[in-house]
Amino acid sequence: MLREVGADLPTHPPRRLTNDEIESAALRITMGCLDHASCPARLHARPVVDWALPDPARLDDEGFRRVRDDIRERVASLVRELSRG
């Protein structure tokens, strides 16, 4: 479904963010994982924007596409906002 919008899956497996990456990030965005079980404790202590998106793995194909498209729109909006700086 990512290929439908021109995005390819990376060839490498996912990896955890390092503490240095978390600390040095100018902006932190999560996608609905700000529960204590699944997000690093250090992330809770920092300013963060949570987009509160449903987990697409639990959705049917159309639900996955809605989440995918929502992320795409939010990222495009964020890029526009940051470029105005």
PDB file of N, CA and C in Angstrom:
ATOM      1  N   MET A   1       0.824  -1.201   0.000  1.00  0.00           N
ATOM      2  CA  MET A   1       0.000   0.000   0.000  1.00  0.00           C
ATOM      3  C   MET A   1       0.861   1.255   0.000  1.00  0.00           C
ATOM      4  N   LEU A   2       2.082   1.147   0.493  1.00  0.00           N
ATOM      5  CA  LEU A   2       2.980   2.303   0.433  1.00  0.00           C
ATOM      6  C   LEU A   2       3.422   2.557  -1.001  1.00  0.00           C
ATOM      7  N   ARG A   3       3.604   1.499  -1.756  1.00  0.00           N
ATOM      8  CA  ARG A   3       3.987   1.672  -3.169  1.00  0.00           C
ATOM      9  C   ARG A   3       2.894   2.382  -3.970  1.00  0.00           C
ATOM     10  N   GLU A   4       1.649   2.269  -3.523  1.00  0.00           N
ATOM     11  CA  GLU A   4       0.548   2.964  -4.200  1.00  0.00           C
ATOM     12  C   GLU A   4       0.765   4.469  -4.232  1.00  0.00           C
ATOM     13  N   VAL A   5       1.514   4.987  -3.269  1.00  0.00           N
ATOM     14  CA  VAL A   5       1.773   6.435  -3.206  1.00  0.00           C
ATOM     15  C   VAL A   5       3.240   6.755  -3.486  1.00  0.00           C
ATOM     16  N   GLY A   6       3.951   5.783  -4.107  1.00  0.00           N
ATOM     17  CA  GLY A   6       5.329   6.023  -4.504  1.00  0.00           C
ATOM     18  C   GLY A   6       6.361   5.858  -3.406  1.00  0.00           C
ATOM     19  N   ALA A   7       6.005   5.216  -2.308  1.00  0.00           N
ATOM     20  CA  ALA A   7       6.953   4.999  -1.209  1.00  0.00           C
ATOM     21  C   ALA A   7       7.363   3.531  -1.178  1.00  0.00           C
ATOM     22  N   ASP A   8       8.654   3.304  -1.076  1.00  0.00           N
ATOM     23  CA  ASP A   8       9.168   1.942  -0.947  1.00  0.00           C
ATOM     24  C   ASP A   8       9.525   1.666   0.497  1.00  0.00           C
ATOM     25  N   LEU A   9       9.415   0.429   0.889  1.00  0.00           N
ATOM     26  CA  LEU A   9       9.843   0.032   2.230  1.00  0.00           C
ATOM     27  C   LEU A   9      11.362   0.042   2.276  1.00  0.00           C
ATOM     28  N   PRO A  10      11.937   0.448   3.402  1.00  0.00           N
ATOM     29  CA  PRO A  10      13.405   0.418   3.503  1.00  0.00           C
ATOM     30  C   PRO A  10      13.909  -1.015   3.456  1.00  0.00           C
ATOM     31  N   THR A  11      15.147  -1.178   3.035  1.00  0.00           N
ATOM     32  CA  THR A  11      15.736  -2.517   2.962  1.00  0.00           C
ATOM     33  C   THR A  11      16.308  -2.966   4.299  1.00  0.00           C
ATOM     34  N   HIS A  12      16.407  -2.052   5.259  1.00  0.00           N
ATOM     35  CA  HIS A  12      16.951  -2.385   6.577  1.00  0.00           C
ATOM     36  C   HIS A  12      15.820  -2.562   7.579  1.00  0.00           C
ATOM     37  N   PRO A  13      16.066  -3.326   8.629  1.00  0.00           N
ATOM     38  CA  PRO A  13      15.023  -3.502   9.654  1.00  0.00           C
ATOM     39  C   PRO A  13      14.876  -2.226  10.482  1.00  0.00           C
ATOM     40  N   PRO A  14      13.739  -2.044  11.141  1.00  0.00           N
ATOM     41  CA  PRO A  14      13.579  -0.881  12.026  1.00  0.00           C
ATOM     42  C   PRO A  14      14.634  -0.922  13.130  1.00  0.00           C
ATOM     43  N   ARG A  15      14.964   0.234  13.663  1.00  0.00           N
ATOM     44  CA  ARG A  15      15.905   0.299  14.774  1.00  0.00           C
ATOM     45  C   ARG A  15      15.391   1.284  15.799  1.00  0.00           C
ATOM     46  N   ARG A  16      15.847   1.141  17.009  1.00  0.00           N
ATOM     47  CA  ARG A  16      15.460   2.056  18.086  1.00  0.00           C
ATOM     48  C   ARG A  16      16.208   3.370  17.948  1.00  0.00           C
ATOM     49  N   LEU A  17      15.543   4.443  18.347  1.00  0.00           N
ATOM     50  CA  LEU A  17      16.228   5.727  18.435  1.00  0.00           C
ATOM     51  C   LEU A  17      17.229   5.676  19.578  1.00  0.00           C
ATOM     52  N   THR A  18      18.355   6.341  19.380  1.00  0.00           N
ATOM     53  CA  THR A  18      19.309   6.431  20.477  1.00  0.00           C
ATOM     54  C   THR A  18      18.921   7.590  21.384  1.00  0.00           C
ATOM     55  N   ASN A  19      19.430   7.585  22.599  1.00  0.00           N
ATOM     56  CA  ASN A  19      19.173   8.696  23.516  1.00  0.00           C
ATOM     57  C   ASN A  19      19.694   9.999  22.932  1.00  0.00           C
ATOM     58  N   ASP A  20      20.851   9.958  22.266  1.00  0.00           N
ATOM     59  CA  ASP A  20      21.390  11.164  21.631  1.00  0.00           C
ATOM     60  C   ASP A  20      20.440  11.699  20.562  1.00  0.00           C
ATOM     61  N   GLU A  21      19.843  10.824  19.773  1.00  0.00           N
ATOM     62  CA  GLU A  21      18.896  11.253  18.749  1.00  0.00           C
ATOM     63  C   GLU A  21      17.662  11.897  19.379  1.00  0.00           C
ATOM     64  N   ILE A  22      17.166  11.305  20.447  1.00  0.00           N
ATOM     65  CA  ILE A  22      16.005  11.869  21.134  1.00  0.00           C
ATOM     66  C   ILE A  22      16.338  13.240  21.700  1.00  0.00           C
ATOM     67  N   GLU A  23      17.488  13.346  22.349  1.00  0.00           N
ATOM     68  CA  GLU A  23      17.890  14.607  22.982  1.00  0.00           C
ATOM     69  C   GLU A  23      18.157  15.715  21.960  1.00  0.00           C
ATOM     70  N   SER A  24      18.714  15.363  20.810  1.00  0.00           N
ATOM     71  CA  SER A  24      19.114  16.395  19.854  1.00  0.00           C
ATOM     72  C   SER A  24      18.007  16.783  18.868  1.00  0.00           C
ATOM     73  N   ALA A  25      16.904  16.075  18.882  1.00  0.00           N
ATOM     74  CA  ALA A  25      15.823  16.368  17.933  1.00  0.00           C
ATOM     75  C   ALA A  25      15.183  17.713  18.246  1.00  0.00           C
ATOM     76  N   ALA A  26      15.020  18.527  17.221  1.00  0.00           N
ATOM     77  CA  ALA A  26      14.364  19.826  17.380  1.00  0.00           C
ATOM     78  C   ALA A  26      12.859  19.651  17.557  1.00  0.00           C
ATOM     79  N   LEU A  27      12.312  18.596  17.004  1.00  0.00           N
ATOM     80  CA  LEU A  27      10.880  18.331  17.069  1.00  0.00           C
ATOM     81  C   LEU A  27      10.685  16.830  17.214  1.00  0.00           C
ATOM     82  N   ARG A  28       9.817  16.445  18.126  1.00  0.00           N
ATOM     83  CA  ARG A  28       9.519  15.035  18.346  1.00  0.00           C
ATOM     84  C   ARG A  28       8.042  14.811  18.063  1.00  0.00           C
ATOM     85  N   ILE A  29       7.768  13.886  17.159  1.00  0.00           N
ATOM     86  CA  ILE A  29       6.378  13.560  16.824  1.00  0.00           C
ATOM     87  C   ILE A  29       6.191  12.072  17.005  1.00  0.00           C
ATOM     88  N   THR A  30       5.166  11.700  17.747  1.00  0.00           N
ATOM     89  CA  THR A  30       4.793  10.298  17.873  1.00  0.00           C
ATOM     90  C   THR A  30       3.464  10.111  17.157  1.00  0.00           C
ATOM     91  N   MET A  31       3.112   8.876  16.947  1.00  0.00           N
ATOM     92  CA  MET A  31       1.905   8.594  16.169  1.00  0.00           C
ATOM     93  C   MET A  31       0.907   7.793  16.974  1.00  0.00           C
ATOM     94  N   GLY A  32       0.712   8.216  18.213  1.00  0.00           N
ATOM     95  CA  GLY A  32      -0.284   7.555  19.044  1.00  0.00           C
ATOM     96  C   GLY A  32       0.306   6.534  19.985  1.00  0.00           C
ATOM     97  N   CYS A  33       1.614   6.629  20.250  1.00  0.00           N
ATOM     98  CA  CYS A  33       2.242   5.613  21.101  1.00  0.00           C
ATOM     99  C   CYS A  33       2.722   6.195  22.418  1.00  0.00           C
ATOM    100  N   LEU A  34       2.108   7.239  22.891  1.00  0.00           N
ATOM    101  CA  LEU A  34       2.608   7.845  24.116  1.00  0.00           C
ATOM    102  C   LEU A  34       2.151   7.126  25.384  1.00  0.00           C
ATOM    103  N   ASP A  35       1.900   5.839  25.274  1.00  0.00           N
ATOM    104  CA  ASP A  35       1.643   5.088  26.486  1.00  0.00           C
ATOM    105  C   ASP A  35       2.987   4.630  27.054  1.00  0.00           C
ATOM    106  N   HIS A  36       3.047   4.386  28.324  1.00  0.00           N
ATOM    107  CA  HIS A  36       4.315   4.067  28.972  1.00  0.00           C
ATOM    108  C   HIS A  36       4.850   2.697  28.565  1.00  0.00           C
ATOM    109  N   ALA A  37       4.021   1.839  28.047  1.00  0.00           N
ATOM    110  CA  ALA A  37       4.478   0.500  27.687  1.00  0.00           C
ATOM    111  C   ALA A  37       5.284   0.479  26.398  1.00  0.00           C
ATOM    112  N   SER A  38       4.967   1.368  25.463  1.00  0.00           N
ATOM    113  CA  SER A  38       5.596   1.247  24.147  1.00  0.00           C
ATOM    114  C   SER A  38       6.542   2.375  23.777  1.00  0.00           C
ATOM    115  N   CYS A  39       6.576   3.480  24.516  1.00  0.00           N
ATOM    116  CA  CYS A  39       7.468   4.582  24.177  1.00  0.00           C
ATOM    117  C   CYS A  39       8.582   4.705  25.205  1.00  0.00           C
ATOM    118  N   PRO A  40       9.756   5.118  24.744  1.00  0.00           N
ATOM    119  CA  PRO A  40      10.867   5.271  25.699  1.00  0.00           C
ATOM    120  C   PRO A  40      10.539   6.298  26.777  1.00  0.00           C
ATOM    121  N   ALA A  41      10.946   6.015  27.996  1.00  0.00           N
ATOM    122  CA  ALA A  41      10.674   6.913  29.119  1.00  0.00           C
ATOM    123  C   ALA A  41      11.252   8.296  28.867  1.00  0.00           C
ATOM    124  N   ARG A  42      12.410   8.379  28.217  1.00  0.00           N
ATOM    125  CA  ARG A  42      13.045   9.671  27.955  1.00  0.00           C
ATOM    126  C   ARG A  42      12.177  10.533  27.043  1.00  0.00           C
ATOM    127  N   LEU A  43      11.404   9.906  26.185  1.00  0.00           N
ATOM    128  CA  LEU A  43      10.543  10.676  25.289  1.00  0.00           C
ATOM    129  C   LEU A  43       9.440  11.376  26.065  1.00  0.00           C
ATOM    130  N   HIS A  44       8.957  10.746  27.122  1.00  0.00           N
ATOM    131  CA  HIS A  44       7.891  11.351  27.931  1.00  0.00           C
ATOM    132  C   HIS A  44       8.348  12.628  28.619  1.00  0.00           C
ATOM    133  N   ALA A  45       9.627  12.733  28.874  1.00  0.00           N
ATOM    134  CA  ALA A  45      10.160  13.882  29.610  1.00  0.00           C
ATOM    135  C   ALA A  45      10.444  15.073  28.704  1.00  0.00           C
ATOM    136  N   ARG A  46      10.267  14.932  27.427  1.00  0.00           N
ATOM    137  CA  ARG A  46      10.593  15.976  26.459  1.00  0.00           C
ATOM    138  C   ARG A  46       9.318  16.513  25.813  1.00  0.00           C
ATOM    139  N   PRO A  47       9.369  17.765  25.316  1.00  0.00           N
ATOM    140  CA  PRO A  47       8.215  18.257  24.562  1.00  0.00           C
ATOM    141  C   PRO A  47       8.005  17.376  23.319  1.00  0.00           C
ATOM    142  N   VAL A  48       6.775  17.002  23.116  1.00  0.00           N
ATOM    143  CA  VAL A  48       6.474  16.107  22.000  1.00  0.00           C
ATOM    144  C   VAL A  48       5.077  16.404  21.476  1.00  0.00           C
ATOM    145  N   VAL A  49       4.889  16.198  20.197  1.00  0.00           N
ATOM    146  CA  VAL A  49       3.571  16.305  19.561  1.00  0.00           C
ATOM    147  C   VAL A  49       3.120  14.881  19.269  1.00  0.00           C
ATOM    148  N   ASP A  50       1.957  14.515  19.752  1.00  0.00           N
ATOM    149  CA  ASP A  50       1.433  13.178  19.484  1.00  0.00           C
ATOM    150  C   ASP A  50       0.270  13.290  18.505  1.00  0.00           C
ATOM    151  N   TRP A  51       0.409  12.649  17.368  1.00  0.00           N
ATOM    152  CA  TRP A  51      -0.637  12.702  16.351  1.00  0.00           C
ATOM    153  C   TRP A  51      -1.783  11.733  16.644  1.00  0.00           C
ATOM    154  N   ALA A  52      -1.651  10.900  17.639  1.00  0.00           N
ATOM    155  CA  ALA A  52      -2.726  10.004  18.092  1.00  0.00           C
ATOM    156  C   ALA A  52      -3.388   9.241  16.943  1.00  0.00           C
ATOM    157  N   LEU A  53      -2.576   8.607  16.133  1.00  0.00           N
ATOM    158  CA  LEU A  53      -3.085   7.823  15.013  1.00  0.00           C
ATOM    159  C   LEU A  53      -3.348   6.388  15.448  1.00  0.00           C
ATOM    160  N   PRO A  54      -4.359   5.762  14.875  1.00  0.00           N
ATOM    161  CA  PRO A  54      -4.584   4.351  15.191  1.00  0.00           C
ATOM    162  C   PRO A  54      -3.464   3.501  14.591  1.00  0.00           C
ATOM    163  N   ASP A  55      -3.190   2.368  15.198  1.00  0.00           N
ATOM    164  CA  ASP A  55      -2.177   1.450  14.688  1.00  0.00           C
ATOM    165  C   ASP A  55      -2.709   0.818  13.405  1.00  0.00           C
ATOM    166  N   PRO A  56      -2.085   1.100  12.257  1.00  0.00           N
ATOM    167  CA  PRO A  56      -2.613   0.571  10.998  1.00  0.00           C
ATOM    168  C   PRO A  56      -2.540  -0.947  10.917  1.00  0.00           C
ATOM    169  N   ALA A  57      -1.678  -1.571  11.697  1.00  0.00           N
ATOM    170  CA  ALA A  57      -1.579  -3.029  11.680  1.00  0.00           C
ATOM    171  C   ALA A  57      -2.875  -3.685  12.146  1.00  0.00           C
ATOM    172  N   ARG A  58      -3.674  -2.940  12.888  1.00  0.00           N
ATOM    173  CA  ARG A  58      -4.931  -3.486  13.411  1.00  0.00           C
ATOM    174  C   ARG A  58      -6.134  -3.149  12.531  1.00  0.00           C
ATOM    175  N   LEU A  59      -5.879  -2.502  11.396  1.00  0.00           N
ATOM    176  CA  LEU A  59      -6.972  -2.037  10.543  1.00  0.00           C
ATOM    177  C   LEU A  59      -7.062  -2.857   9.265  1.00  0.00           C
ATOM    178  N   ASP A  60      -8.224  -2.764   8.623  1.00  0.00           N
ATOM    179  CA  ASP A  60      -8.357  -3.389   7.307  1.00  0.00           C
ATOM    180  C   ASP A  60      -7.628  -2.517   6.275  1.00  0.00           C
ATOM    181  N   ASP A  61      -7.639  -2.934   5.025  1.00  0.00           N
ATOM    182  CA  ASP A  61      -6.889  -2.221   3.984  1.00  0.00           C
ATOM    183  C   ASP A  61      -7.299  -0.758   3.860  1.00  0.00           C
ATOM    184  N   GLU A  62      -8.585  -0.494   3.886  1.00  0.00           N
ATOM    185  CA  GLU A  62      -9.033   0.900   3.752  1.00  0.00           C
ATOM    186  C   GLU A  62      -8.629   1.729   4.966  1.00  0.00           C
ATOM    187  N   GLY A  63      -8.684   1.126   6.145  1.00  0.00           N
ATOM    188  CA  GLY A  63      -8.236   1.822   7.344  1.00  0.00           C
ATOM    189  C   GLY A  63      -6.748   2.131   7.271  1.00  0.00           C
ATOM    190  N   PHE A  64      -5.965   1.188   6.786  1.00  0.00           N
ATOM    191  CA  PHE A  64      -4.522   1.408   6.611  1.00  0.00           C
ATOM    192  C   PHE A  64      -4.288   2.572   5.653  1.00  0.00           C
ATOM    193  N   ARG A  65      -5.029   2.582   4.557  1.00  0.00           N
ATOM    194  CA  ARG A  65      -4.868   3.673   3.581  1.00  0.00           C
ATOM    195  C   ARG A  65      -5.230   5.029   4.191  1.00  0.00           C
ATOM    196  N   ARG A  66      -6.267   5.065   5.034  1.00  0.00           N
ATOM    197  CA  ARG A  66      -6.644   6.325   5.683  1.00  0.00           C
ATOM    198  C   ARG A  66      -5.516   6.832   6.582  1.00  0.00           C
ATOM    199  N   VAL A  67      -4.916   5.932   7.353  1.00  0.00           N
ATOM    200  CA  VAL A  67      -3.810   6.324   8.230  1.00  0.00           C
ATOM    201  C   VAL A  67      -2.619   6.768   7.377  1.00  0.00           C
ATOM    202  N   ARG A  68      -2.296   6.007   6.349  1.00  0.00           N
ATOM    203  CA  ARG A  68      -1.196   6.357   5.443  1.00  0.00           C
ATOM    204  C   ARG A  68      -1.401   7.749   4.862  1.00  0.00           C
ATOM    205  N   ASP A  69      -2.589   8.018   4.368  1.00  0.00           N
ATOM    206  CA  ASP A  69      -2.872   9.311   3.752  1.00  0.00           C
ATOM    207  C   ASP A  69      -2.864  10.436   4.781  1.00  0.00           C
ATOM    208  N   ASP A  70      -3.337  10.154   5.984  1.00  0.00           N
ATOM    209  CA  ASP A  70      -3.312  11.149   7.060  1.00  0.00           C
ATOM    210  C   ASP A  70      -1.867  11.515   7.396  1.00  0.00           C
ATOM    211  N   ILE A  71      -0.996  10.510   7.516  1.00  0.00           N
ATOM    212  CA  ILE A  71       0.422  10.779   7.790  1.00  0.00           C
ATOM    213  C   ILE A  71       1.014  11.617   6.672  1.00  0.00           C
ATOM    214  N   ARG A  72       0.730  11.258   5.461  1.00  0.00           N
ATOM    215  CA  ARG A  72       1.263  12.000   4.298  1.00  0.00           C
ATOM    216  C   ARG A  72       0.848  13.465   4.340  1.00  0.00           C
ATOM    217  N   GLU A  73      -0.413  13.727   4.630  1.00  0.00           N
ATOM    218  CA  GLU A  73      -0.907  15.106   4.706  1.00  0.00           C
ATOM    219  C   GLU A  73      -0.277  15.857   5.872  1.00  0.00           C
ATOM    220  N   ARG A  74      -0.145  15.206   7.009  1.00  0.00           N
ATOM    221  CA  ARG A  74       0.449  15.856   8.180  1.00  0.00           C
ATOM    222  C   ARG A  74       1.920  16.185   7.947  1.00  0.00           C
ATOM    223  N   VAL A  75       2.643  15.267   7.310  1.00  0.00           N
ATOM    224  CA  VAL A  75       4.059  15.524   7.026  1.00  0.00           C
ATOM    225  C   VAL A  75       4.195  16.671   6.040  1.00  0.00           C
ATOM    226  N   ALA A  76       3.387  16.700   5.002  1.00  0.00           N
ATOM    227  CA  ALA A  76       3.438  17.798   4.032  1.00  0.00           C
ATOM    228  C   ALA A  76       3.142  19.132   4.713  1.00  0.00           C
ATOM    229  N   SER A  77       2.162  19.152   5.591  1.00  0.00           N
ATOM    230  CA  SER A  77       1.829  20.372   6.328  1.00  0.00           C
ATOM    231  C   SER A  77       2.983  20.785   7.242  1.00  0.00           C
ATOM    232  N   LEU A  78       3.592  19.823   7.901  1.00  0.00           N
ATOM    233  CA  LEU A  78       4.728  20.093   8.774  1.00  0.00           C
ATOM    234  C   LEU A  78       5.903  20.659   7.985  1.00  0.00           C
ATOM    235  N   VAL A  79       6.181  20.098   6.819  1.00  0.00           N
ATOM    236  CA  VAL A  79       7.265  20.595   5.965  1.00  0.00           C
ATOM    237  C   VAL A  79       6.996  22.048   5.577  1.00  0.00           C
ATOM    238  N   ARG A  80       5.757  22.348   5.196  1.00  0.00           N
ATOM    239  CA  ARG A  80       5.408  23.737   4.843  1.00  0.00           C
ATOM    240  C   ARG A  80       5.606  24.661   6.046  1.00  0.00           C
ATOM    241  N   GLU A  81       5.155  24.228   7.209  1.00  0.00           N
ATOM    242  CA  GLU A  81       5.269  25.034   8.419  1.00  0.00           C
ATOM    243  C   GLU A  81       6.732  25.279   8.779  1.00  0.00           C
ATOM    244  N   LEU A  82       7.544  24.256   8.735  1.00  0.00           N
ATOM    245  CA  LEU A  82       8.952  24.391   9.091  1.00  0.00           C
ATOM    246  C   LEU A  82       9.730  25.217   8.070  1.00  0.00           C
ATOM    247  N   SER A  83       9.317  25.161   6.816  1.00  0.00           N
ATOM    248  CA  SER A  83      10.033  25.918   5.786  1.00  0.00           C
ATOM    249  C   SER A  83       9.739  27.426   5.914  1.00  0.00           C
ATOM    250  N   ARG A  84       8.619  27.778   6.540  1.00  0.00           N
ATOM    251  CA  ARG A  84       8.317  29.191   6.788  1.00  0.00           C
ATOM    252  C   ARG A  84       9.176  29.716   7.932  1.00  0.00           C
ATOM    253  N   GLY A  85       9.669  28.780   8.749  1.00  0.00           N
ATOM    254  CA  GLY A  85      10.575  28.951   9.815  1.00  0.00           C
ATOM    255  C   GLY A  85      10.511  29.996  10.744  1.00  0.00           C
TER     256      GLY A  85
END
